[in-house]
C-alpha atoms as a PDB file:
ATOM      1  CA  UNK A   1     109.371 113.319 108.368  1.00  0.00           C
ATOM      2  CA  UNK A   2     112.096 110.866 107.444  1.00  0.00           C
ATOM      3  CA  UNK A   3     114.177 109.873 110.448  1.00  0.00           C
ATOM      4  CA  UNK A   4     117.943 109.695 109.583  1.00  0.00           C
ATOM      5  CA  UNK A   5     118.655 106.693 111.871  1.00  0.00           C
ATOM      6  CA  UNK A   6     115.975 104.171 110.532  1.00  0.00           C
ATOM      7  CA  UNK A   7     115.069 105.746 107.171  1.00  0.00           C
ATOM      8  CA  UNK A   8     111.146 105.207 108.012  1.00  0.00           C
ATOM      9  CA  UNK A   9     108.442 107.775 108.044  1.00  0.00           C
ATOM     10  CA  UNK A  10     106.902 108.909 111.069  1.00  0.00           C
ATOM     11  CA  UNK A  11     103.300 108.804 111.355  1.00  0.00           C
ATOM     12  CA  UNK A  12     101.399 112.086 110.514  1.00  0.00           C
ATOM     13  CA  UNK A  13      99.356 113.755 113.228  1.00  0.00           C
ATOM     14  CA  UNK A  14      95.647 112.649 113.870  1.00  0.00           C
ATOM     15  CA  UNK A  15      94.513 115.854 112.480  1.00  0.00           C
ATOM     16  CA  UNK A  16      96.301 115.371 108.991  1.00  0.00           C
ATOM     17  CA  UNK A  17      95.184 111.854 109.053  1.00  0.00           C
ATOM     18  CA  UNK A  18      91.315 112.860 109.550  1.00  0.00           C
ATOM     19  CA  UNK A  19      91.963 115.437 106.613  1.00  0.00           C
ATOM     20  CA  UNK A  20      93.432 112.703 104.425  1.00  0.00           C
ATOM     21  CA  UNK A  21      90.911 110.368 105.026  1.00  0.00           C
ATOM     22  CA  UNK A  22      88.107 112.768 104.271  1.00  0.00           C
ATOM     23  CA  UNK A  23      89.664 113.777 100.852  1.00  0.00           C
ATOM     24  CA  UNK A  24      90.222 109.682 100.126  1.00  0.00           C
ATOM     25  CA  UNK A  25      86.396 109.238 100.802  1.00  0.00           C
ATOM     26  CA  UNK A  26      85.321 112.149  98.889  1.00  0.00           C
ATOM     27  CA  UNK A  27      87.366 110.897  95.824  1.00  0.00           C
ATOM     28  CA  UNK A  28      86.324 107.247  96.382  1.00  0.00           C
ATOM     29  CA  UNK A  29      82.535 108.388  96.468  1.00  0.00           C
ATOM     30  CA  UNK A  30      82.882 110.225  93.060  1.00  0.00           C
ATOM     31  CA  UNK A  31      84.352 107.043  91.614  1.00  0.00           C
ATOM     32  CA  UNK A  32      82.220 104.265  93.330  1.00  0.00           C
ATOM     33  CA  UNK A  33      79.986 103.819  90.250  1.00  0.00           C
ATOM     34  CA  UNK A  34      82.704 102.923  87.758  1.00  0.00           C
ATOM     35  CA  UNK A  35      84.890 101.099  90.393  1.00  0.00           C
ATOM     36  CA  UNK A  36      81.725  99.010  91.386  1.00  0.00           C
ATOM     37  CA  UNK A  37      81.147  98.162  87.577  1.00  0.00           C
ATOM     38  CA  UNK A  38      84.804  97.030  86.942  1.00  0.00           C
ATOM     39  CA  UNK A  39      85.138  95.338  90.140  1.00  0.00           C
ATOM     40  CA  UNK A  40      81.938  93.110  89.529  1.00  0.00           C
ATOM     41  CA  UNK A  41      83.367  92.167  86.073  1.00  0.00           C
ATOM     42  CA  UNK A  42      86.513  91.041  87.403  1.00  0.00           C
ATOM     43  CA  UNK A  43      85.222  89.263  90.732  1.00  0.00           C
ATOM     44  CA  UNK A  44      86.693  92.038  93.308  1.00  0.00           C
ATOM     45  CA  UNK A  45      84.417  93.057  96.034  1.00  0.00           C
ATOM     46  CA  UNK A  46      83.082  96.357  95.017  1.00  0.00           C
ATOM     47  CA  UNK A  47      83.574  97.933  98.543  1.00  0.00           C
ATOM     48  CA  UNK A  48      87.063  96.667  98.726  1.00  0.00           C
ATOM     49  CA  UNK A  49      87.759  97.954  95.120  1.00  0.00           C
ATOM     50  CA  UNK A  50      86.132 101.341  96.138  1.00  0.00           C
ATOM     51  CA  UNK A  51      88.516 101.643  98.943  1.00  0.00           C
ATOM     52  CA  UNK A  52      91.696 100.629  97.307  1.00  0.00           C
ATOM     53  CA  UNK A  53      91.209 102.174  93.884  1.00  0.00           C
ATOM     54  CA  UNK A  54      93.460 105.125  93.627  1.00  0.00           C
ATOM     55  CA  UNK A  55      92.453 106.220  89.914  1.00  0.00           C
ATOM     56  CA  UNK A  56      95.105 108.586  89.051  1.00  0.00           C
ATOM     57  CA  UNK A  57      96.533 108.745  92.543  1.00  0.00           C
ATOM     58  CA  UNK A  58     100.341 108.612  92.524  1.00  0.00           C
ATOM     59  CA  UNK A  59     101.940 106.212  94.845  1.00  0.00           C
ATOM     60  CA  UNK A  60     101.690 102.764  96.095  1.00  0.00           C
ATOM     61  CA  UNK A  61      98.426 101.289  95.985  1.00  0.00           C
ATOM     62  CA  UNK A  62      97.322  98.094  97.995  1.00  0.00           C
ATOM     63  CA  UNK A  63      94.567  95.592  96.130  1.00  0.00           C
ATOM     64  CA  UNK A  64      93.101  92.805  98.311  1.00  0.00           C
ATOM     65  CA  UNK A  65      92.732  89.746  96.319  1.00  0.00           C
ATOM     66  CA  UNK A  66      89.435  88.337  96.222  1.00  0.00           C
ATOM     67  CA  UNK A  67      89.188  85.500  99.091  1.00  0.00           C
ATOM     68  CA  UNK A  68      87.215  83.178  96.934  1.00  0.00           C
ATOM     69  CA  UNK A  69      86.473  82.685  93.342  1.00  0.00           C
ATOM     70  CA  UNK A  70      88.696  82.412  90.369  1.00  0.00           C
ATOM     71  CA  UNK A  71      92.148  80.918  90.209  1.00  0.00           C
ATOM     72  CA  UNK A  72      94.946  83.257  91.082  1.00  0.00           C
ATOM     73  CA  UNK A  73      96.254  83.344  87.526  1.00  0.00           C
ATOM     74  CA  UNK A  74      92.851  84.634  86.417  1.00  0.00           C
ATOM     75  CA  UNK A  75      92.696  87.428  89.093  1.00  0.00           C
ATOM     76  CA  UNK A  76      96.473  88.298  88.362  1.00  0.00           C
ATOM     77  CA  UNK A  77      95.597  88.595  84.695  1.00  0.00           C
ATOM     78  CA  UNK A  78      92.812  91.074  85.545  1.00  0.00           C
ATOM     79  CA  UNK A  79      94.692  93.164  87.749  1.00  0.00           C
ATOM     80  CA  UNK A  80      97.770  93.333  85.337  1.00  0.00           C
ATOM     81  CA  UNK A  81      95.387  94.527  82.648  1.00  0.00           C
ATOM     82  CA  UNK A  82      94.053  97.358  84.886  1.00  0.00           C
ATOM     83  CA  UNK A  83      97.485  98.266  86.183  1.00  0.00           C
ATOM     84  CA  UNK A  84      98.791  98.427  82.520  1.00  0.00           C
ATOM     85  CA  UNK A  85      95.719 100.666  81.626  1.00  0.00           C
ATOM     86  CA  UNK A  86      96.689 102.899  84.356  1.00  0.00           C
ATOM     87  CA  UNK A  87     100.378 102.898  83.453  1.00  0.00           C
ATOM     88  CA  UNK A  88     101.269 101.268  86.622  1.00  0.00           C
ATOM     89  CA  UNK A  89     103.448  98.131  87.581  1.00  0.00           C
ATOM     90  CA  UNK A  90     101.428  95.145  89.143  1.00  0.00           C
ATOM     91  CA  UNK A  91     103.479  93.245  91.650  1.00  0.00           C
ATOM     92  CA  UNK A  92     101.840  90.234  93.675  1.00  0.00           C
ATOM     93  CA  UNK A  93     102.347  90.556  97.374  1.00  0.00           C
ATOM     94  CA  UNK A  94     101.903  87.556  99.749  1.00  0.00           C
ATOM     95  CA  UNK A  95     102.010  88.097 103.465  1.00  0.00           C
ATOM     96  CA  UNK A  96     100.334  86.954 106.551  1.00  0.00           C
ATOM     97  CA  UNK A  97      98.696  88.403 109.518  1.00  0.00           C
ATOM     98  CA  UNK A  98     101.416  86.679 111.939  1.00  0.00           C
ATOM     99  CA  UNK A  99     104.318  87.843 109.762  1.00  0.00           C
ATOM    100  CA  UNK A 100     105.930  91.129 111.572  1.00  0.00           C
ATOM    101  CA  UNK A 101     107.569  92.338 108.357  1.00  0.00           C
ATOM    102  CA  UNK A 102     104.683  91.855 106.086  1.00  0.00           C
ATOM    103  CA  UNK A 103     102.751  93.802 108.804  1.00  0.00           C
ATOM    104  CA  UNK A 104     105.252  96.521 108.945  1.00  0.00           C
ATOM    105  CA  UNK A 105     105.338  96.931 105.159  1.00  0.00           C
ATOM    106  CA  UNK A 106     101.562  96.754 104.659  1.00  0.00           C
ATOM    107  CA  UNK A 107     101.102  99.559 107.340  1.00  0.00           C
ATOM    108  CA  UNK A 108     103.743 101.663 105.743  1.00  0.00           C
ATOM    109  CA  UNK A 109     102.168 101.381 102.279  1.00  0.00           C
ATOM    110  CA  UNK A 110      98.566 102.193 103.862  1.00  0.00           C
ATOM    111  CA  UNK A 111      99.920 105.431 105.550  1.00  0.00           C
ATOM    112  CA  UNK A 112     101.609 106.653 102.163  1.00  0.00           C
ATOM    113  CA  UNK A 113     105.261 106.087 103.587  1.00  0.00           C
ATOM    114  CA  UNK A 114     106.203 104.141 100.380  1.00  0.00           C
ATOM    115  CA  UNK A 115     104.510 106.601  97.761  1.00  0.00           C
ATOM    116  CA  UNK A 116     107.725 108.412  96.996  1.00  0.00           C
ATOM    117  CA  UNK A 117     109.713 105.338  96.491  1.00  0.00           C
ATOM    118  CA  UNK A 118     107.087 103.272  94.519  1.00  0.00           C
ATOM    119  CA  UNK A 119     104.783 105.961  92.706  1.00  0.00           C
ATOM    120  CA  UNK A 120     103.384 103.651  90.036  1.00  0.00           C
ATOM    121  CA  UNK A 121     103.269 100.252  91.803  1.00  0.00           C
ATOM    122  CA  UNK A 122     100.067  98.363  92.656  1.00  0.00           C
ATOM    123  CA  UNK A 123     100.512  95.564  95.046  1.00  0.00           C
ATOM    124  CA  UNK A 124      97.740  92.729  94.671  1.00  0.00           C
ATOM    125  CA  UNK A 125      97.781  91.490  98.005  1.00  0.00           C
ATOM    126  CA  UNK A 126      97.219  87.688  99.083  1.00  0.00           C
ATOM    127  CA  UNK A 127      97.343  86.073 102.441  1.00  0.00           C
ATOM    128  CA  UNK A 128      99.506  83.071 102.614  1.00  0.00           C
ATOM    129  CA  UNK A 129      97.322  81.285 105.107  1.00  0.00           C
ATOM    130  CA  UNK A 130      94.212  81.545 103.109  1.00  0.00           C
ATOM    131  CA  UNK A 131      95.499  81.686  99.619  1.00  0.00           C
ATOM    132  CA  UNK A 132      98.592  79.420  99.716  1.00  0.00           C
ATOM    133  CA  UNK A 133      97.278  76.528  97.790  1.00  0.00           C
ATOM    134  CA  UNK A 134      96.041  78.416  94.837  1.00  0.00           C
ATOM    135  CA  UNK A 135      99.076  80.692  95.157  1.00  0.00           C
ATOM    136  CA  UNK A 136     101.306  77.645  94.694  1.00  0.00           C
ATOM    137  CA  UNK A 137      99.136  76.430  91.611  1.00  0.00           C
ATOM    138  CA  UNK A 138     100.015  79.555  89.886  1.00  0.00           C
ATOM    139  CA  UNK A 139     103.687  79.229  90.718  1.00  0.00           C
ATOM    140  CA  UNK A 140     103.684  81.935  93.523  1.00  0.00           C
ATOM    141  CA  UNK A 141     105.768  79.899  95.997  1.00  0.00           C
ATOM    142  CA  UNK A 142     108.641  81.025  98.443  1.00  0.00           C
ATOM    143  CA  UNK A 143     110.410  79.687 101.447  1.00  0.00           C
ATOM    144  CA  UNK A 144     109.879  83.206 103.350  1.00  0.00           C
ATOM    145  CA  UNK A 145     107.383  85.890 103.256  1.00  0.00           C
ATOM    146  CA  UNK A 146     106.589  88.540 102.469  1.00  0.00           C
ATOM    147  CA  UNK A 147     106.859  87.651  98.745  1.00  0.00           C
ATOM    148  CA  UNK A 148     106.948  90.234  96.283  1.00  0.00           C
ATOM    149  CA  UNK A 149     106.694  88.863  92.701  1.00  0.00           C
ATOM    150  CA  UNK A 150     106.335  90.290  89.374  1.00  0.00           C
ATOM    151  CA  UNK A 151     103.585  88.214  87.320  1.00  0.00           C
ATOM    152  CA  UNK A 152     104.059  87.221  83.663  1.00  0.00           C
ATOM    153  CA  UNK A 153     101.523  88.077  81.059  1.00  0.00           C
ATOM    154  CA  UNK A 154      99.601  84.692  81.732  1.00  0.00           C
ATOM    155  CA  UNK A 155      99.109  85.936  85.298  1.00  0.00           C
ATOM    156  CA  UNK A 156     101.481  83.150  86.641  1.00  0.00           C
ATOM    157  CA  UNK A 157     104.643  83.826  88.169  1.00  0.00           C
ATOM    158  CA  UNK A 158     107.369  85.179  86.072  1.00  0.00           C
ATOM    159  CA  UNK A 159     110.303  83.917  88.475  1.00  0.00           C
ATOM    160  CA  UNK A 160     111.318  87.444  89.201  1.00  0.00           C
ATOM    161  CA  UNK A 161     110.730  87.925  93.060  1.00  0.00           C
ATOM    162  CA  UNK A 162     112.036  88.673  96.290  1.00  0.00           C
ATOM    163  CA  UNK A 163     111.184  87.220  99.627  1.00  0.00           C
ATOM    164  CA  UNK A 164     111.773  87.511 103.255  1.00  0.00           C
ATOM    165  CA  UNK A 165     112.174  90.260 105.674  1.00  0.00           C
ATOM    166  CA  UNK A 166     113.665  91.208 109.165  1.00  0.00           C
ATOM    167  CA  UNK A 167     111.869  91.864 112.295  1.00  0.00           C
ATOM    168  CA  UNK A 168     112.027  95.106 114.023  1.00  0.00           C
ATOM    169  CA  UNK A 169     112.037  98.813 113.139  1.00  0.00           C
ATOM    170  CA  UNK A 170     114.416  98.144 110.086  1.00  0.00           C
ATOM    171  CA  UNK A 171     111.643  95.830 108.194  1.00  0.00           C
ATOM    172  CA  UNK A 172     110.573  98.195 105.755  1.00  0.00           C
ATOM    173  CA  UNK A 173     114.057  99.547 105.245  1.00  0.00           C
ATOM    174  CA  UNK A 174     115.201  96.099 104.649  1.00  0.00           C
ATOM    175  CA  UNK A 175     112.681  95.435 101.894  1.00  0.00           C
ATOM    176  CA  UNK A 176     112.598  98.760 100.013  1.00  0.00           C
ATOM    177  CA  UNK A 177     115.856  98.803  98.158  1.00  0.00           C
ATOM    178  CA  UNK A 178     115.433  94.874  97.189  1.00  0.00           C
ATOM    179  CA  UNK A 179     112.074  95.621  95.893  1.00  0.00           C
ATOM    180  CA  UNK A 180     113.406  98.633  94.070  1.00  0.00           C
ATOM    181  CA  UNK A 181     116.106  96.513  92.417  1.00  0.00           C
ATOM    182  CA  UNK A 182     113.624  93.919  91.470  1.00  0.00           C
ATOM    183  CA  UNK A 183     111.378  96.421  89.855  1.00  0.00           C
ATOM    184  CA  UNK A 184     114.588  98.068  87.887  1.00  0.00           C
ATOM    185  CA  UNK A 185     115.578  94.823  86.337  1.00  0.00           C
END
């Protein structure tokens, strides 16, 4: 349920969470072979791809970028091809474990609280501390995080991005309209 004060969604009950998890696992099991095959071709860990692939699911999707391997632009090009084939919009998302606005946004996306606002968005998620150097080589640089950037067809940053957030309960509500505006341009 949406709260009027913050514009944020309340966490669903444990029973509802368990039912949603069971459905998600059942759906993922049906797609695990094709997900594993496409994941190995693009360098994404098969278990991570199975867990994050939403297939035809509507709503925001989080896809964790590979920890090692290809350069960021190659990873982004592969993810961009998958997103376009699924009629989704790819956004490169850079956060960090220590970044409160990043964590709040990430958790809201995981809980499905952003599905209505971003029904066709796929976030390719990178960690600034782990991936900072290779992100910079592909042009994904910012003064603040979280960073949300639209990639160019070459997998490098297009220059269309938003960055930064605020701490506290309003963190997600602060990011959502800015991200919507960037996607609408």
